[in-house]
Amino acid sequence: MTLHNIPLANLLLPITIPLQVGLGSMLIAGYRIKETALLLALLTLLINFGMHAFWKEYPQHRHCP
């Protein structure tokens, strides 16, 4: 996560994992489906834009010319 310059990674990761598991369990159980799905979708989008920035070039992963 330091490669992607995520601030407060040591704080955010322990919060994000139980949040994803909890929201997924709520979806499976059928509890407040619309709200849960919306929160999980927003969380997924935030994580993907932060971690999977395909438009950035990182020095360790340069392609051969």
N, C-alpha and C. Protein backbone atom coordinates (compact mmCIF):
# COMPACT_ATOMS: atom_id res chain seq x y z
N MET A 1 0.81 -1.18 0.00
CA MET A 1 0.00 0.00 0.00
C MET A 1 0.86 1.25 0.00
N THR A 2 2.11 1.13 0.41
CA THR A 2 2.99 2.29 0.34
C THR A 2 3.35 2.62 -1.10
N LEU A 3 3.37 1.62 -1.98
CA LEU A 3 3.62 1.84 -3.40
C LEU A 3 2.55 2.74 -4.01
N HIS A 4 1.34 2.64 -3.52
CA HIS A 4 0.22 3.41 -4.04
C HIS A 4 -0.03 4.69 -3.26
N ASN A 5 0.84 5.00 -2.31
CA ASN A 5 0.74 6.22 -1.49
C ASN A 5 -0.61 6.35 -0.78
N ILE A 6 -1.08 5.26 -0.20
CA ILE A 6 -2.33 5.29 0.55
C ILE A 6 -2.04 5.86 1.94
N PRO A 7 -2.68 6.97 2.31
CA PRO A 7 -2.43 7.53 3.63
C PRO A 7 -3.08 6.69 4.73
N LEU A 8 -2.43 6.60 5.86
CA LEU A 8 -2.92 5.88 7.03
C LEU A 8 -3.26 4.42 6.73
N ALA A 9 -2.42 3.76 5.97
CA ALA A 9 -2.69 2.38 5.57
C ALA A 9 -2.78 1.45 6.78
N ASN A 10 -1.96 1.68 7.78
CA ASN A 10 -1.99 0.84 8.97
C ASN A 10 -3.29 0.98 9.74
N LEU A 11 -3.96 2.09 9.59
CA LEU A 11 -5.24 2.32 10.26
C LEU A 11 -6.41 1.85 9.39
N LEU A 12 -6.34 2.12 8.09
CA LEU A 12 -7.46 1.83 7.20
C LEU A 12 -7.64 0.33 6.92
N LEU A 13 -6.55 -0.40 6.79
CA LEU A 13 -6.67 -1.82 6.46
C LEU A 13 -7.39 -2.62 7.54
N PRO A 14 -7.07 -2.46 8.83
CA PRO A 14 -7.82 -3.21 9.84
C PRO A 14 -9.28 -2.80 9.95
N ILE A 15 -9.63 -1.62 9.48
CA ILE A 15 -11.03 -1.19 9.48
C ILE A 15 -11.76 -1.75 8.25
N THR A 16 -11.08 -1.74 7.11
CA THR A 16 -11.71 -2.13 5.85
C THR A 16 -12.06 -3.61 5.79
N ILE A 17 -11.19 -4.47 6.28
CA ILE A 17 -11.42 -5.91 6.18
C ILE A 17 -12.68 -6.34 6.94
N PRO A 18 -12.85 -6.00 8.21
CA PRO A 18 -14.09 -6.41 8.88
C PRO A 18 -15.33 -5.72 8.29
N LEU A 19 -15.15 -4.51 7.77
CA LEU A 19 -16.26 -3.81 7.15
C LEU A 19 -16.75 -4.56 5.91
N GLN A 20 -15.83 -5.01 5.07
CA GLN A 20 -16.21 -5.77 3.88
C GLN A 20 -16.83 -7.11 4.24
N VAL A 21 -16.27 -7.79 5.21
CA VAL A 21 -16.83 -9.08 5.64
C VAL A 21 -18.21 -8.88 6.26
N GLY A 22 -18.35 -7.86 7.08
CA GLY A 22 -19.63 -7.59 7.71
C GLY A 22 -20.70 -7.21 6.71
N LEU A 23 -20.37 -6.32 5.77
CA LEU A 23 -21.35 -5.92 4.76
C LEU A 23 -21.71 -7.09 3.84
N GLY A 24 -20.73 -7.91 3.51
CA GLY A 24 -21.02 -9.10 2.70
C GLY A 24 -21.93 -10.07 3.42
N SER A 25 -21.70 -10.24 4.70
CA SER A 25 -22.56 -11.12 5.51
C SER A 25 -23.98 -10.56 5.61
N MET A 26 -24.09 -9.25 5.71
CA MET A 26 -25.42 -8.64 5.76
C MET A 26 -26.16 -8.85 4.44
N LEU A 27 -25.44 -8.78 3.32
CA LEU A 27 -26.08 -9.06 2.03
C LEU A 27 -26.55 -10.50 1.94
N ILE A 28 -25.72 -11.41 2.38
CA ILE A 28 -26.09 -12.83 2.34
C ILE A 28 -27.30 -13.09 3.22
N ALA A 29 -27.35 -12.44 4.37
CA ALA A 29 -28.47 -12.63 5.30
C ALA A 29 -29.73 -11.90 4.85
N GLY A 30 -29.58 -10.96 3.90
CA GLY A 30 -30.74 -10.24 3.41
C GLY A 30 -31.18 -9.09 4.30
N TYR A 31 -30.28 -8.58 5.11
CA TYR A 31 -30.59 -7.50 6.04
C TYR A 31 -30.30 -6.15 5.38
N ARG A 32 -31.30 -5.31 5.25
CA ARG A 32 -31.17 -3.96 4.67
C ARG A 32 -30.37 -4.00 3.38
N ILE A 33 -30.87 -4.73 2.42
CA ILE A 33 -30.13 -5.04 1.21
C ILE A 33 -29.73 -3.79 0.43
N LYS A 34 -30.64 -2.86 0.23
CA LYS A 34 -30.32 -1.68 -0.59
C LYS A 34 -29.22 -0.83 0.04
N GLU A 35 -29.34 -0.57 1.33
CA GLU A 35 -28.34 0.26 2.01
C GLU A 35 -26.98 -0.45 2.06
N THR A 36 -27.02 -1.75 2.34
CA THR A 36 -25.79 -2.53 2.43
C THR A 36 -25.10 -2.60 1.08
N ALA A 37 -25.86 -2.85 0.04
CA ALA A 37 -25.28 -2.94 -1.30
C ALA A 37 -24.68 -1.60 -1.73
N LEU A 38 -25.35 -0.52 -1.40
CA LEU A 38 -24.83 0.80 -1.74
C LEU A 38 -23.51 1.08 -1.01
N LEU A 39 -23.47 0.79 0.27
CA LEU A 39 -22.23 1.00 1.04
C LEU A 39 -21.09 0.13 0.52
N LEU A 40 -21.39 -1.12 0.21
CA LEU A 40 -20.36 -2.02 -0.29
C LEU A 40 -19.88 -1.58 -1.67
N ALA A 41 -20.78 -1.11 -2.50
CA ALA A 41 -20.39 -0.62 -3.82
C ALA A 41 -19.51 0.62 -3.71
N LEU A 42 -19.88 1.56 -2.85
CA LEU A 42 -19.06 2.76 -2.66
C LEU A 42 -17.68 2.43 -2.11
N LEU A 43 -17.64 1.53 -1.16
CA LEU A 43 -16.36 1.11 -0.58
C LEU A 43 -15.49 0.45 -1.65
N THR A 44 -16.09 -0.38 -2.46
CA THR A 44 -15.36 -1.07 -3.53
C THR A 44 -14.81 -0.07 -4.54
N LEU A 45 -15.61 0.92 -4.92
CA LEU A 45 -15.14 1.94 -5.86
C LEU A 45 -13.98 2.75 -5.27
N LEU A 46 -14.09 3.14 -4.02
CA LEU A 46 -13.01 3.89 -3.38
C LEU A 46 -11.71 3.08 -3.35
N ILE A 47 -11.82 1.83 -3.00
CA ILE A 47 -10.63 0.97 -2.93
C ILE A 47 -10.03 0.79 -4.31
N ASN A 48 -10.86 0.55 -5.32
CA ASN A 48 -10.35 0.32 -6.66
C ASN A 48 -9.68 1.55 -7.25
N PHE A 49 -10.25 2.74 -7.05
CA PHE A 49 -9.61 3.93 -7.57
C PHE A 49 -8.30 4.22 -6.85
N GLY A 50 -8.19 3.85 -5.61
CA GLY A 50 -6.96 4.08 -4.87
C GLY A 50 -5.88 3.05 -5.14
N MET A 51 -6.27 1.79 -5.23
CA MET A 51 -5.29 0.71 -5.35
C MET A 51 -5.00 0.28 -6.78
N HIS A 52 -5.93 0.42 -7.67
CA HIS A 52 -5.76 -0.09 -9.03
C HIS A 52 -5.69 1.06 -10.03
N ALA A 53 -4.75 1.95 -9.78
CA ALA A 53 -4.59 3.12 -10.65
C ALA A 53 -3.77 2.71 -11.87
N PHE A 54 -4.44 2.19 -12.88
CA PHE A 54 -3.76 1.68 -14.07
C PHE A 54 -3.12 2.80 -14.88
N TRP A 55 -3.52 4.06 -14.64
CA TRP A 55 -2.99 5.17 -15.40
C TRP A 55 -1.64 5.64 -14.85
N LYS A 56 -1.24 5.14 -13.68
CA LYS A 56 0.06 5.52 -13.11
C LYS A 56 1.11 4.51 -13.52
N GLU A 57 2.32 4.99 -13.65
CA GLU A 57 3.43 4.10 -13.97
C GLU A 57 4.34 4.03 -12.75
N TYR A 58 4.61 2.82 -12.31
CA TYR A 58 5.43 2.61 -11.14
C TYR A 58 6.81 2.12 -11.57
N PRO A 59 7.86 2.56 -10.92
CA PRO A 59 9.21 2.20 -11.34
C PRO A 59 9.48 0.69 -11.30
N GLN A 60 8.88 -0.05 -10.41
CA GLN A 60 9.13 -1.48 -10.31
C GLN A 60 8.44 -2.27 -11.41
N HIS A 61 7.47 -1.68 -12.09
CA HIS A 61 6.65 -2.44 -13.04
C HIS A 61 6.69 -1.83 -14.43
N ARG A 62 7.83 -1.35 -14.85
CA ARG A 62 7.93 -0.79 -16.21
C ARG A 62 7.95 -1.91 -17.22
N HIS A 63 7.30 -1.65 -18.33
CA HIS A 63 7.29 -2.63 -19.42
C HIS A 63 8.54 -2.48 -20.26
N CYS A 64 8.97 -3.57 -20.82
CA CYS A 64 10.14 -3.54 -21.70
C CYS A 64 9.78 -2.85 -23.01
N PRO A 65 10.69 -2.03 -23.57
CA PRO A 65 10.37 -1.33 -24.83
C PRO A 65 10.30 -2.25 -26.01
